[in-house]
Amino acid sequence: MILALVLPGFSNGIPLQAYLVLAAVLFCTGVWGLINSRNAVRVLMSIELMLNAVNLNLMAFSNYLDGQLIRGQVFAIFVITVAAAEAAVGLAILLSLYRNRETVDMERFNLLRW
């Protein structure tokens, strides 16, 4: 049986820095996918990855600062709600564009030109 020493600022023995490094890696991966992708679905997935990194930071800092308060959890639920709405609207727009243009390549979305 492995016992984890739980100290203030630690969650189940995992330090805050581990969560922050993981969130930074997730966020940087999302930014890289956002910049380098031409596929609109990949861009939406990259934005979702970035929002999940923000959620991880909110939860980690909430637990680090005061584990009894639920402020971080409330903000994370709000971000999840906004992310779900963004994904639904974004996918609906992409579906409409795909039906009209028959592509999801962002370089070919020239809606201002007839």
PDB file of N, CA and C in Angstrom:
ATOM      1  N   MET A   1       0.841  -1.171   0.000  1.00  0.00           N
ATOM      2  CA  MET A   1       0.000   0.000   0.000  1.00  0.00           C
ATOM      3  C   MET A   1       0.888   1.235   0.000  1.00  0.00           C
ATOM      4  N   ILE A   2       0.617   2.144  -0.901  1.00  0.00           N
ATOM      5  CA  ILE A   2       1.405   3.367  -1.023  1.00  0.00           C
ATOM      6  C   ILE A   2       0.633   4.499  -0.371  1.00  0.00           C
ATOM      7  N   LEU A   3       1.283   5.183   0.545  1.00  0.00           N
ATOM      8  CA  LEU A   3       0.662   6.321   1.211  1.00  0.00           C
ATOM      9  C   LEU A   3       1.215   7.602   0.618  1.00  0.00           C
ATOM     10  N   ALA A   4       0.339   8.515   0.283  1.00  0.00           N
ATOM     11  CA  ALA A   4       0.761   9.812  -0.253  1.00  0.00           C
ATOM     12  C   ALA A   4       0.655  10.843   0.857  1.00  0.00           C
ATOM     13  N   LEU A   5       1.705  11.607   1.013  1.00  0.00           N
ATOM     14  CA  LEU A   5       1.713  12.671   2.005  1.00  0.00           C
ATOM     15  C   LEU A   5       0.988  13.874   1.431  1.00  0.00           C
ATOM     16  N   VAL A   6      -0.077  14.303   2.096  1.00  0.00           N
ATOM     17  CA  VAL A   6      -0.866  15.428   1.613  1.00  0.00           C
ATOM     18  C   VAL A   6      -0.507  16.646   2.451  1.00  0.00           C
ATOM     19  N   LEU A   7       0.093  17.629   1.817  1.00  0.00           N
ATOM     20  CA  LEU A   7       0.495  18.869   2.461  1.00  0.00           C
ATOM     21  C   LEU A   7      -0.324  20.015   1.904  1.00  0.00           C
ATOM     22  N   PRO A   8      -0.372  21.152   2.599  1.00  0.00           N
ATOM     23  CA  PRO A   8      -1.053  22.315   2.017  1.00  0.00           C
ATOM     24  C   PRO A   8      -0.402  22.698   0.691  1.00  0.00           C
ATOM     25  N   GLY A   9      -1.214  22.902  -0.307  1.00  0.00           N
ATOM     26  CA  GLY A   9      -0.690  23.226  -1.628  1.00  0.00           C
ATOM     27  C   GLY A   9      -0.467  22.005  -2.496  1.00  0.00           C
ATOM     28  N   PHE A  10      -0.739  20.830  -1.960  1.00  0.00           N
ATOM     29  CA  PHE A  10      -0.572  19.604  -2.713  1.00  0.00           C
ATOM     30  C   PHE A  10      -1.913  18.887  -2.772  1.00  0.00           C
ATOM     31  N   SER A  11      -2.184  18.258  -3.888  1.00  0.00           N
ATOM     32  CA  SER A  11      -3.418  17.501  -4.042  1.00  0.00           C
ATOM     33  C   SER A  11      -3.054  16.044  -4.255  1.00  0.00           C
ATOM     34  N   ASN A  12      -3.337  15.228  -3.271  1.00  0.00           N
ATOM     35  CA  ASN A  12      -3.024  13.799  -3.341  1.00  0.00           C
ATOM     36  C   ASN A  12      -1.544  13.553  -3.595  1.00  0.00           C
ATOM     37  N   GLY A  13      -0.694  14.413  -3.083  1.00  0.00           N
ATOM     38  CA  GLY A  13       0.736  14.227  -3.224  1.00  0.00           C
ATOM     39  C   GLY A  13       1.315  14.755  -4.517  1.00  0.00           C
ATOM     40  N   ILE A  14       0.502  15.289  -5.411  1.00  0.00           N
ATOM     41  CA  ILE A  14       0.994  15.836  -6.674  1.00  0.00           C
ATOM     42  C   ILE A  14       1.151  17.343  -6.513  1.00  0.00           C
ATOM     43  N   PRO A  15       2.341  17.881  -6.752  1.00  0.00           N
ATOM     44  CA  PRO A  15       2.539  19.326  -6.545  1.00  0.00           C
ATOM     45  C   PRO A  15       1.830  20.167  -7.606  1.00  0.00           C
ATOM     46  N   LEU A  16       1.625  21.422  -7.254  1.00  0.00           N
ATOM     47  CA  LEU A  16       0.949  22.358  -8.153  1.00  0.00           C
ATOM     48  C   LEU A  16       1.712  22.512  -9.463  1.00  0.00           C
ATOM     49  N   GLN A  17       3.026  22.482  -9.400  1.00  0.00           N
ATOM     50  CA  GLN A  17       3.835  22.686 -10.600  1.00  0.00           C
ATOM     51  C   GLN A  17       3.575  21.617 -11.655  1.00  0.00           C
ATOM     52  N   ALA A  18       3.260  20.411 -11.242  1.00  0.00           N
ATOM     53  CA  ALA A  18       2.964  19.350 -12.215  1.00  0.00           C
ATOM     54  C   ALA A  18       1.704  19.681 -13.002  1.00  0.00           C
ATOM     55  N   TYR A  19       0.697  20.192 -12.306  1.00  0.00           N
ATOM     56  CA  TYR A  19      -0.530  20.594 -12.998  1.00  0.00           C
ATOM     57  C   TYR A  19      -0.277  21.767 -13.937  1.00  0.00           C
ATOM     58  N   LEU A  20       0.537  22.711 -13.484  1.00  0.00           N
ATOM     59  CA  LEU A  20       0.813  23.885 -14.313  1.00  0.00           C
ATOM     60  C   LEU A  20       1.610  23.521 -15.557  1.00  0.00           C
ATOM     61  N   VAL A  21       2.561  22.611 -15.416  1.00  0.00           N
ATOM     62  CA  VAL A  21       3.340  22.175 -16.581  1.00  0.00           C
ATOM     63  C   VAL A  21       2.442  21.437 -17.568  1.00  0.00           C
ATOM     64  N   LEU A  22       1.582  20.569 -17.062  1.00  0.00           N
ATOM     65  CA  LEU A  22       0.661  19.848 -17.944  1.00  0.00           C
ATOM     66  C   LEU A  22      -0.279  20.808 -18.660  1.00  0.00           C
ATOM     67  N   ALA A  23      -0.796  21.797 -17.934  1.00  0.00           N
ATOM     68  CA  ALA A  23      -1.688  22.779 -18.554  1.00  0.00           C
ATOM     69  C   ALA A  23      -0.947  23.608 -19.590  1.00  0.00           C
ATOM     70  N   ALA A  24       0.305  23.958 -19.319  1.00  0.00           N
ATOM     71  CA  ALA A  24       1.087  24.727 -20.290  1.00  0.00           C
ATOM     72  C   ALA A  24       1.349  23.911 -21.549  1.00  0.00           C
ATOM     73  N   VAL A  25       1.634  22.631 -21.383  1.00  0.00           N
ATOM     74  CA  VAL A  25       1.855  21.764 -22.551  1.00  0.00           C
ATOM     75  C   VAL A  25       0.573  21.642 -23.366  1.00  0.00           C
ATOM     76  N   LEU A  26      -0.562  21.460 -22.694  1.00  0.00           N
ATOM     77  CA  LEU A  26      -1.844  21.382 -23.403  1.00  0.00           C
ATOM     78  C   LEU A  26      -2.153  22.682 -24.135  1.00  0.00           C
ATOM     79  N   PHE A  27      -1.920  23.807 -23.469  1.00  0.00           N
ATOM     80  CA  PHE A  27      -2.219  25.098 -24.084  1.00  0.00           C
ATOM     81  C   PHE A  27      -1.306  25.348 -25.281  1.00  0.00           C
ATOM     82  N   CYS A  28      -0.021  25.051 -25.140  1.00  0.00           N
ATOM     83  CA  CYS A  28       0.908  25.257 -26.260  1.00  0.00           C
ATOM     84  C   CYS A  28       0.591  24.331 -27.426  1.00  0.00           C
ATOM     85  N   THR A  29       0.157  23.109 -27.132  1.00  0.00           N
ATOM     86  CA  THR A  29      -0.263  22.198 -28.195  1.00  0.00           C
ATOM     87  C   THR A  29      -1.485  22.747 -28.920  1.00  0.00           C
ATOM     88  N   GLY A  30      -2.410  23.320 -28.174  1.00  0.00           N
ATOM     89  CA  GLY A  30      -3.584  23.935 -28.790  1.00  0.00           C
ATOM     90  C   GLY A  30      -3.227  25.133 -29.650  1.00  0.00           C
ATOM     91  N   VAL A  31      -2.310  25.970 -29.173  1.00  0.00           N
ATOM     92  CA  VAL A  31      -1.877  27.132 -29.961  1.00  0.00           C
ATOM     93  C   VAL A  31      -1.172  26.671 -31.226  1.00  0.00           C
ATOM     94  N   TRP A  32      -0.331  25.649 -31.113  1.00  0.00           N
ATOM     95  CA  TRP A  32       0.375  25.133 -32.290  1.00  0.00           C
ATOM     96  C   TRP A  32      -0.626  24.589 -33.312  1.00  0.00           C
ATOM     97  N   GLY A  33      -1.627  23.853 -32.842  1.00  0.00           N
ATOM     98  CA  GLY A  33      -2.649  23.333 -33.751  1.00  0.00           C
ATOM     99  C   GLY A  33      -3.485  24.432 -34.363  1.00  0.00           C
ATOM    100  N   LEU A  34      -3.733  25.493 -33.606  1.00  0.00           N
ATOM    101  CA  LEU A  34      -4.510  26.625 -34.111  1.00  0.00           C
ATOM    102  C   LEU A  34      -3.755  27.365 -35.208  1.00  0.00           C
ATOM    103  N   ILE A  35      -2.465  27.521 -35.031  1.00  0.00           N
ATOM    104  CA  ILE A  35      -1.658  28.276 -35.993  1.00  0.00           C
ATOM    105  C   ILE A  35      -1.353  27.454 -37.242  1.00  0.00           C
ATOM    106  N   ASN A  36      -1.039  26.189 -37.069  1.00  0.00           N
ATOM    107  CA  ASN A  36      -0.532  25.386 -38.185  1.00  0.00           C
ATOM    108  C   ASN A  36      -1.582  24.596 -38.954  1.00  0.00           C
ATOM    109  N   SER A  37      -2.816  24.595 -38.512  1.00  0.00           N
ATOM    110  CA  SER A  37      -3.816  23.763 -39.169  1.00  0.00           C
ATOM    111  C   SER A  37      -4.628  24.561 -40.179  1.00  0.00           C
ATOM    112  N   ARG A  38      -4.896  23.939 -41.311  1.00  0.00           N
ATOM    113  CA  ARG A  38      -5.762  24.535 -42.324  1.00  0.00           C
ATOM    114  C   ARG A  38      -7.161  23.939 -42.267  1.00  0.00           C
ATOM    115  N   ASN A  39      -7.303  22.832 -41.563  1.00  0.00           N
ATOM    116  CA  ASN A  39      -8.589  22.164 -41.438  1.00  0.00           C
ATOM    117  C   ASN A  39      -9.389  22.834 -40.321  1.00  0.00           C
ATOM    118  N   ALA A  40     -10.602  23.231 -40.611  1.00  0.00           N
ATOM    119  CA  ALA A  40     -11.413  23.971 -39.645  1.00  0.00           C
ATOM    120  C   ALA A  40     -11.809  23.110 -38.448  1.00  0.00           C
ATOM    121  N   VAL A  41     -11.990  21.822 -38.644  1.00  0.00           N
ATOM    122  CA  VAL A  41     -12.334  20.941 -37.529  1.00  0.00           C
ATOM    123  C   VAL A  41     -11.153  20.838 -36.567  1.00  0.00           C
ATOM    124  N   ARG A  42      -9.943  20.759 -37.095  1.00  0.00           N
ATOM    125  CA  ARG A  42      -8.755  20.734 -36.238  1.00  0.00           C
ATOM    126  C   ARG A  42      -8.591  22.037 -35.473  1.00  0.00           C
ATOM    127  N   VAL A  43      -8.955  23.144 -36.089  1.00  0.00           N
ATOM    128  CA  VAL A  43      -8.884  24.436 -35.402  1.00  0.00           C
ATOM    129  C   VAL A  43      -9.851  24.448 -34.222  1.00  0.00           C
ATOM    130  N   LEU A  44     -11.069  23.951 -34.426  1.00  0.00           N
ATOM    131  CA  LEU A  44     -12.028  23.870 -33.320  1.00  0.00           C
ATOM    132  C   LEU A  44     -11.522  22.947 -32.212  1.00  0.00           C
ATOM    133  N   MET A  45     -10.919  21.828 -32.584  1.00  0.00           N
ATOM    134  CA  MET A  45     -10.368  20.919 -31.585  1.00  0.00           C
ATOM    135  C   MET A  45      -9.220  21.570 -30.823  1.00  0.00           C
ATOM    136  N   SER A  46      -8.413  22.369 -31.492  1.00  0.00           N
ATOM    137  CA  SER A  46      -7.313  23.066 -30.828  1.00  0.00           C
ATOM    138  C   SER A  46      -7.832  24.094 -29.836  1.00  0.00           C
ATOM    139  N   ILE A  47      -8.895  24.781 -30.196  1.00  0.00           N
ATOM    140  CA  ILE A  47      -9.500  25.746 -29.269  1.00  0.00           C
ATOM    141  C   ILE A  47     -10.050  25.021 -28.043  1.00  0.00           C
ATOM    142  N   GLU A  48     -10.670  23.879 -28.249  1.00  0.00           N
ATOM    143  CA  GLU A  48     -11.180  23.098 -27.119  1.00  0.00           C
ATOM    144  C   GLU A  48     -10.038  22.627 -26.222  1.00  0.00           C
ATOM    145  N   LEU A  49      -8.920  22.249 -26.814  1.00  0.00           N
ATOM    146  CA  LEU A  49      -7.756  21.835 -26.034  1.00  0.00           C
ATOM    147  C   LEU A  49      -7.231  22.985 -25.184  1.00  0.00           C
ATOM    148  N   MET A  50      -7.214  24.179 -25.749  1.00  0.00           N
ATOM    149  CA  MET A  50      -6.778  25.351 -24.995  1.00  0.00           C
ATOM    150  C   MET A  50      -7.738  25.649 -23.843  1.00  0.00           C
ATOM    151  N   LEU A  51      -9.033  25.510 -24.075  1.00  0.00           N
ATOM    152  CA  LEU A  51     -10.001  25.741 -23.004  1.00  0.00           C
ATOM    153  C   LEU A  51      -9.881  24.690 -21.899  1.00  0.00           C
ATOM    154  N   ASN A  52      -9.550  23.465 -22.262  1.00  0.00           N
ATOM    155  CA  ASN A  52      -9.332  22.438 -21.243  1.00  0.00           C
ATOM    156  C   ASN A  52      -8.083  22.722 -20.418  1.00  0.00           C
ATOM    157  N   ALA A  53      -7.066  23.305 -21.030  1.00  0.00           N
ATOM    158  CA  ALA A  53      -5.882  23.710 -20.270  1.00  0.00           C
ATOM    159  C   ALA A  53      -6.232  24.802 -19.269  1.00  0.00           C
ATOM    160  N   VAL A  54      -7.087  25.723 -19.672  1.00  0.00           N
ATOM    161  CA  VAL A  54      -7.548  26.766 -18.751  1.00  0.00           C
ATOM    162  C   VAL A  54      -8.325  26.141 -17.596  1.00  0.00           C
ATOM    163  N   ASN A  55      -9.170  25.168 -17.890  1.00  0.00           N
ATOM    164  CA  ASN A  55      -9.917  24.481 -16.831  1.00  0.00           C
ATOM    165  C   ASN A  55      -8.983  23.784 -15.848  1.00  0.00           C
ATOM    166  N   LEU A  56      -7.940  23.158 -16.364  1.00  0.00           N
ATOM    167  CA  LEU A  56      -6.980  22.488 -15.490  1.00  0.00           C
ATOM    168  C   LEU A  56      -6.294  23.493 -14.572  1.00  0.00           C
ATOM    169  N   ASN A  57      -5.940  24.655 -15.104  1.00  0.00           N
ATOM    170  CA  ASN A  57      -5.346  25.700 -14.267  1.00  0.00           C
ATOM    171  C   ASN A  57      -6.324  26.186 -13.209  1.00  0.00           C
ATOM    172  N   LEU A  58      -7.574  26.395 -13.588  1.00  0.00           N
ATOM    173  CA  LEU A  58      -8.575  26.845 -12.619  1.00  0.00           C
ATOM    174  C   LEU A  58      -8.735  25.846 -11.478  1.00  0.00           C
ATOM    175  N   MET A  59      -8.811  24.586 -11.812  1.00  0.00           N
ATOM    176  CA  MET A  59      -8.983  23.567 -10.783  1.00  0.00           C
ATOM    177  C   MET A  59      -7.735  23.439  -9.908  1.00  0.00           C
ATOM    178  N   ALA A  60      -6.559  23.509 -10.511  1.00  0.00           N
ATOM    179  CA  ALA A  60      -5.324  23.374  -9.740  1.00  0.00           C
ATOM    180  C   ALA A  60      -5.154  24.536  -8.768  1.00  0.00           C
ATOM    181  N   PHE A  61      -5.373  25.756  -9.237  1.00  0.00           N
ATOM    182  CA  PHE A  61      -5.227  26.904  -8.350  1.00  0.00           C
ATOM    183  C   PHE A  61      -6.324  26.940  -7.296  1.00  0.00           C
ATOM    184  N   SER A  62      -7.507  26.504  -7.631  1.00  0.00           N
ATOM    185  CA  SER A  62      -8.585  26.455  -6.652  1.00  0.00           C
ATOM    186  C   SER A  62      -8.234  25.500  -5.517  1.00  0.00           C
ATOM    187  N   ASN A  63      -7.700  24.364  -5.863  1.00  0.00           N
ATOM    188  CA  ASN A  63      -7.313  23.392  -4.844  1.00  0.00           C
ATOM    189  C   ASN A  63      -6.080  23.861  -4.074  1.00  0.00           C
ATOM    190  N   TYR A  64      -5.180  24.542  -4.745  1.00  0.00           N
ATOM    191  CA  TYR A  64      -3.950  25.006  -4.096  1.00  0.00           C
ATOM    192  C   TYR A  64      -4.231  26.128  -3.103  1.00  0.00           C
ATOM    193  N   LEU A  65      -5.056  27.081  -3.483  1.00  0.00           N
ATOM    194  CA  LEU A  65      -5.300  28.240  -2.626  1.00  0.00           C
ATOM    195  C   LEU A  65      -6.208  27.898  -1.450  1.00  0.00           C
ATOM    196  N   ASP A  66      -7.315  27.250  -1.715  1.00  0.00           N
ATOM    197  CA  ASP A  66      -8.220  26.852  -0.637  1.00  0.00           C
ATOM    198  C   ASP A  66      -9.069  25.699  -1.137  1.00  0.00           C
ATOM    199  N   GLY A  67      -8.795  24.522  -0.635  1.00  0.00           N
ATOM    200  CA  GLY A  67      -9.488  23.329  -1.101  1.00  0.00           C
ATOM    201  C   GLY A  67     -10.948  23.258  -0.700  1.00  0.00           C
ATOM    202  N   GLN A  68     -11.361  24.078   0.267  1.00  0.00           N
ATOM    203  CA  GLN A  68     -12.741  24.031   0.743  1.00  0.00           C
ATOM    204  C   GLN A  68     -13.691  24.870  -0.107  1.00  0.00           C
ATOM    205  N   LEU A  69     -13.172  25.903  -0.753  1.00  0.00           N
ATOM    206  CA  LEU A  69     -14.020  26.756  -1.583  1.00  0.00           C
ATOM    207  C   LEU A  69     -14.150  26.165  -2.978  1.00  0.00           C
ATOM    208  N   ILE A  70     -15.263  26.459  -3.630  1.00  0.00           N
ATOM    209  CA  ILE A  70     -15.522  25.855  -4.939  1.00  0.00           C
ATOM    210  C   ILE A  70     -15.502  26.897  -6.052  1.00  0.00           C
ATOM    211  N   ARG A  71     -14.790  27.990  -5.843  1.00  0.00           N
ATOM    212  CA  ARG A  71     -14.760  29.028  -6.875  1.00  0.00           C
ATOM    213  C   ARG A  71     -14.161  28.515  -8.184  1.00  0.00           C
ATOM    214  N   GLY A  72     -13.073  27.789  -8.100  1.00  0.00           N
ATOM    215  CA  GLY A  72     -12.447  27.256  -9.309  1.00  0.00           C
ATOM    216  C   GLY A  72     -13.344  26.287 -10.048  1.00  0.00           C
ATOM    217  N   GLN A  73     -14.065  25.473  -9.299  1.00  0.00           N
ATOM    218  CA  GLN A  73     -14.976  24.522  -9.923  1.00  0.00           C
ATOM    219  C   GLN A  73     -16.123  25.237 -10.624  1.00  0.00           C
ATOM    220  N   VAL A  74     -16.627  26.311 -10.020  1.00  0.00           N
ATOM    221  CA  VAL A  74     -17.718  27.067 -10.638  1.00  0.00           C
ATOM    222  C   VAL A  74     -17.246  27.707 -11.935  1.00  0.00           C
ATOM    223  N   PHE A  75     -16.059  28.308 -11.911  1.00  0.00           N
ATOM    224  CA  PHE A  75     -15.523  28.904 -13.135  1.00  0.00           C
ATOM    225  C   PHE A  75     -15.250  27.837 -14.192  1.00  0.00           C
ATOM    226  N   ALA A  76     -14.769  26.672 -13.773  1.00  0.00           N
ATOM    227  CA  ALA A  76     -14.508  25.595 -14.727  1.00  0.00           C
ATOM    228  C   ALA A  76     -15.802  25.113 -15.374  1.00  0.00           C
ATOM    229  N   ILE A  77     -16.869  25.001 -14.601  1.00  0.00           N
ATOM    230  CA  ILE A  77     -18.162  24.605 -15.176  1.00  0.00           C
ATOM    231  C   ILE A  77     -18.655  25.664 -16.152  1.00  0.00           C
ATOM    232  N   PHE A  78     -18.439  26.934 -15.823  1.00  0.00           N
ATOM    233  CA  PHE A  78     -18.810  28.009 -16.745  1.00  0.00           C
ATOM    234  C   PHE A  78     -18.015  27.906 -18.045  1.00  0.00           C
ATOM    235  N   VAL A  79     -16.714  27.650 -17.951  1.00  0.00           N
ATOM    236  CA  VAL A  79     -15.883  27.516 -19.155  1.00  0.00           C
ATOM    237  C   VAL A  79     -16.311  26.299 -19.966  1.00  0.00           C
ATOM    238  N   ILE A  80     -16.656  25.207 -19.305  1.00  0.00           N
ATOM    239  CA  ILE A  80     -17.128  24.014 -20.015  1.00  0.00           C
ATOM    240  C   ILE A  80     -18.427  24.312 -20.754  1.00  0.00           C
ATOM    241  N   THR A  81     -19.318  25.071 -20.128  1.00  0.00           N
ATOM    242  CA  THR A  81     -20.581  25.444 -20.774  1.00  0.00           C
ATOM    243  C   THR A  81     -20.336  26.308 -22.000  1.00  0.00           C
ATOM    244  N   VAL A  82     -19.464  27.291 -21.861  1.00  0.00           N
ATOM    245  CA  VAL A  82     -19.138  28.157 -23.001  1.00  0.00           C
ATOM    246  C   VAL A  82     -18.455  27.352 -24.105  1.00  0.00           C
ATOM    247  N   ALA A  83     -17.578  26.424 -23.731  1.00  0.00           N
ATOM    248  CA  ALA A  83     -16.891  25.600 -24.726  1.00  0.00           C
ATOM    249  C   ALA A  83     -17.870  24.699 -25.471  1.00  0.00           C
ATOM    250  N   ALA A  84     -18.858  24.168 -24.768  1.00  0.00           N
ATOM    251  CA  ALA A  84     -19.859  23.325 -25.432  1.00  0.00           C
ATOM    252  C   ALA A  84     -20.688  24.141 -26.412  1.00  0.00           C
ATOM    253  N   ALA A  85     -21.071  25.344 -26.016  1.00  0.00           N
ATOM    254  CA  ALA A  85     -21.829  26.208 -26.928  1.00  0.00           C
ATOM    255  C   ALA A  85     -20.975  26.602 -28.124  1.00  0.00           C
ATOM    256  N   GLU A  86     -19.709  26.903 -27.881  1.00  0.00           N
ATOM    257  CA  GLU A  86     -18.797  27.266 -28.977  1.00  0.00           C
ATOM    258  C   GLU A  86     -18.621  26.103 -29.944  1.00  0.00           C
ATOM    259  N   ALA A  87     -18.497  24.906 -29.415  1.00  0.00           N
ATOM    260  CA  ALA A  87     -18.335  23.738 -30.280  1.00  0.00           C
ATOM    261  C   ALA A  87     -19.594  23.483 -31.100  1.00  0.00           C
ATOM    262  N   ALA A  88     -20.753  23.620 -30.484  1.00  0.00           N
ATOM    263  CA  ALA A  88     -22.004  23.383 -31.209  1.00  0.00           C
ATOM    264  C   ALA A  88     -22.202  24.404 -32.318  1.00  0.00           C
ATOM    265  N   VAL A  89     -21.996  25.677 -32.008  1.00  0.00           N
ATOM    266  CA  VAL A  89     -22.163  26.724 -33.023  1.00  0.00           C
ATOM    267  C   VAL A  89     -21.089  26.598 -34.098  1.00  0.00           C
ATOM    268  N   GLY A  90     -19.857  26.336 -33.688  1.00  0.00           N
ATOM    269  CA  GLY A  90     -18.771  26.193 -34.657  1.00  0.00           C
ATOM    270  C   GLY A  90     -18.990  25.030 -35.606  1.00  0.00           C
ATOM    271  N   LEU A  91     -19.423  23.893 -35.070  1.00  0.00           N
ATOM    272  CA  LEU A  91     -19.682  22.742 -35.937  1.00  0.00           C
ATOM    273  C   LEU A  91     -20.883  22.971 -36.842  1.00  0.00           C
ATOM    274  N   ALA A  92     -21.887  23.696 -36.372  1.00  0.00           N
ATOM    275  CA  ALA A  92     -23.032  24.021 -37.229  1.00  0.00           C
ATOM    276  C   ALA A  92     -22.599  24.921 -38.383  1.00  0.00           C
ATOM    277  N   ILE A  93     -21.762  25.896 -38.096  1.00  0.00           N
ATOM    278  CA  ILE A  93     -21.251  26.776 -39.158  1.00  0.00           C
ATOM    279  C   ILE A  93     -20.391  25.982 -40.130  1.00  0.00           C
ATOM    280  N   LEU A  94     -19.544  25.096 -39.610  1.00  0.00           N
ATOM    281  CA  LEU A  94     -18.703  24.278 -40.490  1.00  0.00           C
ATOM    282  C   LEU A  94     -19.533  23.340 -41.355  1.00  0.00           C
ATOM    283  N   LEU A  95     -20.589  22.786 -40.800  1.00  0.00           N
ATOM    284  CA  LEU A  95     -21.461  21.917 -41.590  1.00  0.00           C
ATOM    285  C   LEU A  95     -22.124  22.695 -42.715  1.00  0.00           C
ATOM    286  N   SER A  96     -22.557  23.906 -42.423  1.00  0.00           N
ATOM    287  CA  SER A  96     -23.155  24.755 -43.453  1.00  0.00           C
ATOM    288  C   SER A  96     -22.130  25.117 -44.530  1.00  0.00           C
ATOM    289  N   LEU A  97     -20.924  25.461 -44.116  1.00  0.00           N
ATOM    290  CA  LEU A  97     -19.875  25.778 -45.092  1.00  0.00           C
ATOM    291  C   LEU A  97     -19.501  24.555 -45.926  1.00  0.00           C
ATOM    292  N   TYR A  98     -19.473  23.385 -45.295  1.00  0.00           N
ATOM    293  CA  TYR A  98     -19.142  22.178 -46.038  1.00  0.00           C
ATOM    294  C   TYR A  98     -20.212  21.861 -47.080  1.00  0.00           C
ATOM    295  N   ARG A  99     -21.459  22.091 -46.735  1.00  0.00           N
ATOM    296  CA  ARG A  99     -22.530  21.834 -47.704  1.00  0.00           C
ATOM    297  C   ARG A  99     -22.465  22.796 -48.880  1.00  0.00           C
ATOM    298  N   ASN A 100     -22.037  24.037 -48.640  1.00  0.00           N
ATOM    299  CA  ASN A 100     -21.953  25.017 -49.725  1.00  0.00           C
ATOM    300  C   ASN A 100     -20.661  24.898 -50.521  1.00  0.00           C
ATOM    301  N   ARG A 101     -19.542  24.715 -49.865  1.00  0.00           N
ATOM    302  CA  ARG A 101     -18.225  24.722 -50.518  1.00  0.00           C
ATOM    303  C   ARG A 101     -17.634  23.340 -50.733  1.00  0.00           C
ATOM    304  N   GLU A 102     -18.162  22.336 -50.041  1.00  0.00           N
ATOM    305  CA  GLU A 102     -17.681  20.954 -50.111  1.00  0.00           C
ATOM    306  C   GLU A 102     -16.224  20.820 -49.697  1.00  0.00           C
ATOM    307  N   THR A 103     -15.806  21.624 -48.736  1.00  0.00           N
ATOM    308  CA  THR A 103     -14.467  21.527 -48.171  1.00  0.00           C
ATOM    309  C   THR A 103     -14.470  22.130 -46.775  1.00  0.00           C
ATOM    310  N   VAL A 104     -13.523  21.691 -45.939  1.00  0.00           N
ATOM    311  CA  VAL A 104     -13.326  22.305 -44.625  1.00  0.00           C
ATOM    312  C   VAL A 104     -11.952  22.962 -44.546  1.00  0.00           C
ATOM    313  N   ASP A 105     -11.324  23.139 -45.704  1.00  0.00           N
ATOM    314  CA  ASP A 105     -10.033  23.819 -45.777  1.00  0.00           C
ATOM    315  C   ASP A 105     -10.258  25.312 -45.579  1.00  0.00           C
ATOM    316  N   MET A 106      -9.608  25.887 -44.583  1.00  0.00           N
ATOM    317  CA  MET A 106      -9.848  27.288 -44.252  1.00  0.00           C
ATOM    318  C   MET A 106      -9.292  28.244 -45.299  1.00  0.00           C
ATOM    319  N   GLU A 107      -8.351  27.798 -46.095  1.00  0.00           N
ATOM    320  CA  GLU A 107      -7.813  28.648 -47.158  1.00  0.00           C
ATOM    321  C   GLU A 107      -8.833  28.858 -48.276  1.00  0.00           C
ATOM    322  N   ARG A 108      -9.791  27.961 -48.373  1.00  0.00           N
ATOM    323  CA  ARG A 108     -10.778  28.053 -49.455  1.00  0.00           C
ATOM    324  C   ARG A 108     -12.077  28.708 -49.023  1.00  0.00           C
ATOM    325  N   PHE A 109     -12.155  29.149 -47.771  1.00  0.00           N
ATOM    326  CA  PHE A 109     -13.342  29.855 -47.295  1.00  0.00           C
ATOM    327  C   PHE A 109     -13.218  31.324 -47.666  1.00  0.00           C
ATOM    328  N   ASN A 110     -13.704  31.686 -48.812  1.00  0.00           N
ATOM    329  CA  ASN A 110     -13.685  33.081 -49.258  1.00  0.00           C
ATOM    330  C   ASN A 110     -15.127  33.533 -49.440  1.00  0.00           C
ATOM    331  N   LEU A 111     -15.790  33.768 -48.336  1.00  0.00           N
ATOM    332  CA  LEU A 111     -17.220  34.060 -48.368  1.00  0.00           C
ATOM    333  C   LEU A 111     -17.525  35.474 -48.831  1.00  0.00           C
ATOM    334  N   LEU A 112     -16.545  36.366 -48.824  1.00  0.00           N
ATOM    335  CA  LEU A 112     -16.795  37.739 -49.242  1.00  0.00           C
ATOM    336  C   LEU A 112     -16.744  37.892 -50.754  1.00  0.00           C
ATOM    337  N   ARG A 113     -16.252  36.874 -51.425  1.00  0.00           N
ATOM    338  CA  ARG A 113     -16.148  36.921 -52.876  1.00  0.00           C
ATOM    339  C   ARG A 113     -17.262  36.083 -53.489  1.00  0.00           C
ATOM    340  N   TRP A 114     -17.916  36.597 -54.516  1.00  0.00           N
ATOM    341  CA  TRP A 114     -18.999  35.870 -55.170  1.00  0.00           C
ATOM    342  C   TRP A 114     -18.455  34.970 -56.184  1.00  0.00           C
TER     343      TRP A 114
END
